[in-house]
Amino acid sequence: MKNGLPAQLDPPRVPVLYDPREQSPWDLAPLRMIRGTLDTGDYAVFGAEHLCRIERKTLPDFVACCGVERERFVRELERLLAFPSRIVIIEASLADIKAGQWRSRILPQCVVGSIASWSAMGISFLLAGDRDGAQRIAAKILYSVAKRQWASARKLVGEVTGEQPLSRNAQDPATLAAFDPTLAQEGAA
């Protein structure tokens, strides 16, 4: 910690805002969860809210967004465009969508077409497979946002103090393990 900021950002030090309207919020451990109102999206890194927003959707919720809730959802997507990184994470797989096991009369190809159309707006849509997968992906994305902010802050502190911040090219296995134990082995290799 030569210039006042450690070389590595520990995941538990990363505060993530989640919107209180989330009825069943994700557990983004090892990140620290803080309840706070977001005007757009469901999740953001506290202090870097201007950089990235994540919108969470279950499959039934997303199917409704492709049908009866479409106008409202499109307005939400338009608000997401104000952020450099905007991501909709769906707790389902492409196979789940193609199976079409929902109550709505919306056809699976219409749901896939909506994803394609909205992706062309510049919004990333990630099919996470299930809730667990969605939580892991969201935690990794938000940690990456926080790390970039951390690196920028360390660089700025170094410029002000005249010290060179230590660079960190390799991922620390302990940090990788905090998100997924199997990644620690890959990072150490």
Protein backbone atom coordinates (compact mmCIF):
# COMPACT_ATOMS: atom_id res chain seq x y z
CA MET A 1 0.00 0.00 0.00
CA LYS A 2 2.69 2.40 -1.11
CA ASN A 3 0.45 5.29 -2.24
CA GLY A 4 -2.42 4.97 0.25
CA LEU A 5 -4.51 2.44 -1.68
CA PRO A 6 -3.82 -1.30 -1.64
CA ALA A 7 -2.75 -2.92 -4.90
CA GLN A 8 -5.68 -5.32 -4.79
CA LEU A 9 -9.34 -4.50 -4.15
CA ASP A 10 -10.82 -7.09 -1.82
CA PRO A 11 -14.32 -8.15 -2.93
CA PRO A 12 -15.91 -7.67 0.53
CA ARG A 13 -14.88 -4.01 0.33
CA VAL A 14 -16.99 -3.49 -2.80
CA PRO A 15 -20.38 -1.98 -1.92
CA VAL A 16 -23.16 -2.87 -4.33
CA LEU A 17 -26.44 -0.98 -4.34
CA TYR A 18 -29.60 -2.93 -4.95
CA ASP A 19 -32.96 -1.33 -5.46
CA PRO A 20 -35.42 -1.81 -2.57
CA ARG A 21 -38.15 -2.65 -5.10
CA GLU A 22 -36.34 -5.95 -5.72
CA GLN A 23 -38.70 -8.50 -4.19
CA SER A 24 -36.10 -11.25 -4.02
CA PRO A 25 -32.69 -9.58 -4.25
CA TRP A 26 -29.67 -11.52 -5.40
CA ASP A 27 -26.95 -12.52 -2.98
CA LEU A 28 -23.81 -11.16 -4.64
CA ALA A 29 -21.36 -12.48 -2.05
CA PRO A 30 -18.54 -11.82 -1.56
CA LEU A 31 -19.56 -8.27 -2.45
CA ARG A 32 -21.20 -6.12 0.24
CA MET A 33 -24.89 -5.45 -0.42
CA ILE A 34 -26.44 -2.07 0.38
CA ARG A 35 -30.11 -1.28 -0.09
CA GLY A 36 -30.56 2.00 -1.96
CA THR A 37 -32.92 3.46 -4.51
CA LEU A 38 -31.76 3.36 -8.11
CA ASP A 39 -33.69 5.39 -10.68
CA THR A 40 -32.81 2.85 -13.37
CA GLY A 41 -31.78 -0.78 -13.09
CA ASP A 42 -31.62 -3.04 -10.07
CA TYR A 43 -27.89 -3.22 -9.22
CA ALA A 44 -24.90 -0.86 -9.37
CA VAL A 45 -21.56 -0.36 -7.64
CA PHE A 46 -21.88 2.33 -4.96
CA GLY A 47 -19.75 5.27 -6.08
CA ALA A 48 -19.72 4.07 -9.68
CA GLU A 49 -23.46 4.18 -10.32
CA HIS A 50 -22.78 6.33 -13.38
CA LEU A 51 -20.78 3.55 -15.06
CA CYS A 52 -22.87 0.41 -14.99
CA ARG A 53 -26.41 -0.72 -14.28
CA ILE A 54 -27.72 -4.25 -14.18
CA GLU A 55 -31.38 -5.10 -14.66
CA ARG A 56 -32.46 -8.48 -13.26
CA LYS A 57 -35.23 -10.53 -14.89
CA THR A 58 -36.73 -13.90 -14.08
CA LEU A 59 -38.06 -15.77 -17.11
CA PRO A 60 -41.76 -15.04 -16.36
CA ASP A 61 -40.94 -11.37 -15.77
CA PHE A 62 -38.95 -11.17 -19.00
CA VAL A 63 -41.68 -12.85 -21.03
CA ALA A 64 -44.12 -10.23 -19.69
CA CYS A 65 -41.64 -7.55 -20.80
CA CYS A 66 -41.87 -8.98 -24.31
CA GLY A 67 -45.67 -8.78 -24.23
CA VAL A 68 -48.05 -6.88 -21.95
CA GLU A 69 -45.26 -4.92 -20.21
CA ARG A 70 -43.37 -4.14 -23.42
CA GLU A 71 -43.95 -0.35 -23.53
CA ARG A 72 -42.89 0.08 -19.91
CA PHE A 73 -39.83 -2.13 -20.41
CA VAL A 74 -38.75 -0.27 -23.56
CA ARG A 75 -38.84 2.99 -21.55
CA GLU A 76 -36.67 1.27 -18.94
CA LEU A 77 -34.21 0.16 -21.63
CA GLU A 78 -34.09 3.70 -23.02
CA ARG A 79 -33.13 4.97 -19.54
CA LEU A 80 -30.39 2.31 -19.36
CA LEU A 81 -28.81 3.80 -22.49
CA ALA A 82 -27.55 6.69 -20.31
CA PHE A 83 -24.94 4.35 -18.79
CA PRO A 84 -21.75 3.17 -20.54
CA SER A 85 -22.36 -0.40 -19.40
CA ARG A 86 -25.97 -1.62 -19.34
CA ILE A 87 -26.84 -5.22 -18.88
CA VAL A 88 -30.02 -7.24 -18.55
CA ILE A 89 -29.37 -10.58 -16.87
CA ILE A 90 -32.09 -13.16 -17.36
CA GLU A 91 -32.37 -16.09 -14.94
CA ALA A 92 -32.93 -18.57 -17.77
CA SER A 93 -31.17 -20.29 -20.66
CA LEU A 94 -31.88 -20.19 -24.38
CA ALA A 95 -33.21 -23.75 -24.02
CA ASP A 96 -35.66 -22.49 -21.36
CA ILE A 97 -36.87 -19.81 -23.75
CA LYS A 98 -37.17 -22.21 -26.68
CA ALA A 99 -39.20 -24.60 -24.48
CA GLY A 100 -41.82 -21.86 -24.07
CA GLN A 101 -43.09 -23.14 -20.72
CA TRP A 102 -44.97 -20.05 -19.58
CA ARG A 103 -48.59 -18.99 -19.30
CA SER A 104 -48.43 -16.17 -21.81
CA ARG A 105 -49.35 -16.78 -25.44
CA ILE A 106 -46.09 -15.19 -26.55
CA LEU A 107 -44.13 -17.53 -28.79
CA PRO A 108 -40.52 -18.40 -27.96
CA GLN A 109 -39.31 -16.94 -31.27
CA CYS A 110 -40.90 -13.61 -30.30
CA VAL A 111 -38.95 -13.61 -27.03
CA VAL A 112 -35.71 -14.41 -28.88
CA GLY A 113 -36.54 -11.72 -31.46
CA SER A 114 -37.08 -9.17 -28.69
CA ILE A 115 -33.67 -9.99 -27.22
CA ALA A 116 -32.08 -9.54 -30.65
CA SER A 117 -33.90 -6.27 -31.30
CA TRP A 118 -33.09 -4.78 -27.92
CA SER A 119 -29.47 -5.94 -28.16
CA ALA A 120 -29.21 -3.84 -31.32
CA MET A 121 -29.95 -0.80 -29.11
CA GLY A 122 -26.59 -1.40 -27.42
CA ILE A 123 -27.79 -3.26 -24.34
CA SER A 124 -26.23 -6.57 -23.36
CA PHE A 125 -28.61 -9.43 -22.61
CA LEU A 126 -27.09 -12.34 -20.72
CA LEU A 127 -28.89 -15.65 -20.40
CA ALA A 128 -27.48 -16.90 -17.10
CA GLY A 129 -29.22 -20.26 -16.97
CA ASP A 130 -30.68 -19.85 -13.51
CA ARG A 131 -30.68 -17.60 -10.44
CA ASP A 132 -27.33 -18.95 -9.19
CA GLY A 133 -25.66 -18.32 -12.52
CA ALA A 134 -27.17 -14.84 -12.69
CA GLN A 135 -25.85 -13.98 -9.23
CA ARG A 136 -22.33 -15.17 -10.11
CA ILE A 137 -22.27 -13.24 -13.40
CA ALA A 138 -23.62 -10.07 -11.80
CA ALA A 139 -21.07 -10.24 -8.96
CA LYS A 140 -18.21 -10.66 -11.43
CA ILE A 141 -19.41 -7.77 -13.61
CA LEU A 142 -19.87 -5.42 -10.67
CA TYR A 143 -16.51 -6.40 -9.18
CA SER A 144 -14.87 -5.65 -12.55
CA VAL A 145 -16.48 -2.20 -12.58
CA ALA A 146 -15.23 -1.55 -9.03
CA LYS A 147 -11.71 -2.75 -9.93
CA ARG A 148 -11.53 -0.33 -12.86
CA GLN A 149 -12.60 2.53 -10.59
CA TRP A 150 -10.07 1.38 -7.98
CA ALA A 151 -7.27 1.31 -10.57
CA SER A 152 -8.21 4.82 -11.75
CA ALA A 153 -8.18 6.09 -8.16
CA ARG A 154 -4.80 4.46 -7.49
CA LYS A 155 -3.39 6.03 -10.65
CA LEU A 156 -4.70 9.46 -9.65
CA VAL A 157 -3.28 9.13 -6.14
CA GLY A 158 0.05 8.11 -7.69
CA GLU A 159 0.02 11.17 -9.96
CA VAL A 160 -0.73 13.48 -7.04
CA THR A 161 1.88 11.94 -4.73
CA GLY A 162 4.44 11.27 -7.47
CA GLU A 163 4.54 7.56 -6.66
CA GLN A 164 4.05 4.77 -9.16
CA PRO A 165 1.20 2.45 -8.17
CA LEU A 166 2.09 -1.22 -8.22
CA SER A 167 0.68 -2.99 -11.25
CA ARG A 168 -1.15 -6.25 -10.93
CA ASN A 169 -1.17 -8.32 -14.11
CA ALA A 170 -2.23 -11.69 -12.72
CA GLN A 171 -5.48 -12.32 -10.91
CA ASP A 172 -4.96 -13.18 -7.26
CA PRO A 173 -6.19 -16.77 -6.69
CA ALA A 174 -7.81 -15.79 -3.38
CA THR A 175 -9.85 -13.10 -5.14
CA LEU A 176 -10.90 -15.55 -7.83
CA ALA A 177 -11.87 -18.11 -5.19
CA ALA A 178 -14.16 -15.58 -3.52
CA PHE A 179 -16.37 -15.72 -6.61
CA ASP A 180 -15.91 -19.29 -7.74
CA PRO A 181 -13.55 -21.82 -6.09
CA THR A 182 -12.85 -23.50 -9.44
CA LEU A 183 -11.42 -20.24 -10.81
CA ALA A 184 -8.75 -20.08 -8.09
CA GLN A 185 -7.18 -23.23 -9.48
CA GLU A 186 -7.26 -21.82 -13.03
CA GLY A 187 -5.79 -18.48 -11.87
CA ALA A 188 -2.93 -20.20 -10.05
CA ALA A 189 -2.02 -22.25 -13.12
